[in-house]
Amino acid sequence: MFFEGTEEAFIDEIVINLVPRTFSKDTDIIKIDHGTKYVYFVLKGKVTVCSQDAVEKYLVLDHNTYFGEHLIFFNLKSSNAFR
């Protein structure tokens, strides 16, 4: 698990700062060549990792998954679209 072995106070601080967001189907969550300031947790539905035109689908993230953390940790821009 992502937070395994983490101090409870740190987890509490993260939880109180969580903000729920809802995205419509086929809406770009993270665009190609863009970074993000957020880690996204998929609670319902699915997120597709694909090419910008969505012709090529590389991966489908199901509920109870997360994404975006690597873009933050390494100050990267995404080479894929997340929708």
Protein backbone atom coordinates (compact mmCIF):
# COMPACT_ATOMS: atom_id res chain seq x y z
CA MET A 1 0.00 0.00 0.00
CA PHE A 2 1.12 3.54 -0.76
CA PHE A 3 1.19 4.77 2.86
CA GLU A 4 2.43 1.58 4.52
CA GLY A 5 4.87 2.37 7.32
CA THR A 6 4.03 6.10 7.28
CA GLU A 7 3.49 8.01 10.51
CA GLU A 8 -0.17 8.45 11.39
CA ALA A 9 0.21 12.24 11.81
CA PHE A 10 1.45 12.50 8.22
CA ILE A 11 -1.51 10.49 6.93
CA ASP A 12 -3.90 12.64 8.99
CA GLU A 13 -2.44 15.78 7.41
CA ILE A 14 -2.97 14.36 3.92
CA VAL A 15 -6.55 13.26 4.66
CA ILE A 16 -7.68 16.65 5.93
CA ASN A 17 -6.37 18.25 2.72
CA LEU A 18 -8.10 15.88 0.28
CA VAL A 19 -10.59 17.52 -2.07
CA PRO A 20 -13.02 15.34 -4.06
CA ARG A 21 -13.22 16.00 -7.80
CA THR A 22 -15.49 14.45 -10.39
CA PHE A 23 -14.67 14.22 -14.07
CA SER A 24 -17.03 13.47 -16.93
CA LYS A 25 -16.26 10.65 -19.34
CA ASP A 26 -13.58 11.50 -21.94
CA THR A 27 -12.47 14.62 -20.04
CA ASP A 28 -8.71 15.13 -19.88
CA ILE A 29 -7.54 14.92 -16.28
CA ILE A 30 -3.86 15.29 -17.19
CA LYS A 31 -2.98 16.35 -20.73
CA ILE A 32 0.11 15.33 -22.68
CA ASP A 33 3.07 17.67 -22.01
CA HIS A 34 1.45 18.96 -18.81
CA GLY A 35 2.41 18.35 -15.21
CA THR A 36 0.12 18.23 -12.20
CA LYS A 37 0.05 19.48 -8.64
CA TYR A 38 -2.21 16.63 -7.53
CA VAL A 39 -2.25 12.93 -6.81
CA TYR A 40 -5.51 11.46 -8.06
CA PHE A 41 -7.25 8.57 -6.31
CA VAL A 42 -9.79 6.67 -8.43
CA LEU A 43 -12.77 5.93 -6.19
CA LYS A 44 -15.38 5.18 -8.89
CA GLY A 45 -15.18 4.56 -12.59
CA LYS A 46 -12.02 4.17 -14.61
CA VAL A 47 -9.23 6.34 -15.97
CA THR A 48 -7.69 5.53 -19.33
CA VAL A 49 -4.05 6.29 -20.05
CA CYS A 50 -3.90 6.95 -23.78
CA SER A 51 -2.52 8.98 -26.65
CA GLN A 52 -3.81 12.54 -26.99
CA ASP A 53 -6.32 11.54 -29.68
CA ALA A 54 -7.32 8.47 -27.58
CA VAL A 55 -6.69 6.16 -30.53
CA GLU A 56 -4.04 4.22 -28.60
CA LYS A 57 -5.07 3.06 -25.14
CA TYR A 58 -2.13 1.97 -23.00
CA LEU A 59 -3.65 1.23 -19.61
CA VAL A 60 -6.94 1.40 -17.71
CA LEU A 61 -6.79 2.39 -14.05
CA ASP A 62 -9.65 0.93 -12.03
CA HIS A 63 -11.14 2.00 -8.69
CA ASN A 64 -8.76 1.95 -5.70
CA THR A 65 -5.80 3.05 -7.82
CA TYR A 66 -3.94 6.36 -7.93
CA PHE A 67 -1.84 8.33 -10.39
CA GLY A 68 0.00 11.61 -10.81
CA GLU A 69 2.50 11.09 -8.00
CA HIS A 70 5.46 10.42 -10.31
CA LEU A 71 4.85 13.70 -12.13
CA ILE A 72 5.02 15.57 -8.82
CA PHE A 73 7.96 13.69 -7.29
CA PHE A 74 10.15 14.06 -10.38
CA ASN A 75 8.75 17.38 -11.67
CA LEU A 76 7.76 15.79 -14.97
CA LYS A 77 5.33 16.51 -17.77
CA SER A 78 3.13 13.64 -18.86
CA SER A 79 3.91 11.78 -22.07
CA ASN A 80 0.35 10.31 -22.02
CA ALA A 81 -3.16 11.64 -21.61
CA PHE A 82 -5.15 10.59 -18.53
CA ARG A 83 -8.93 10.63 -19.12
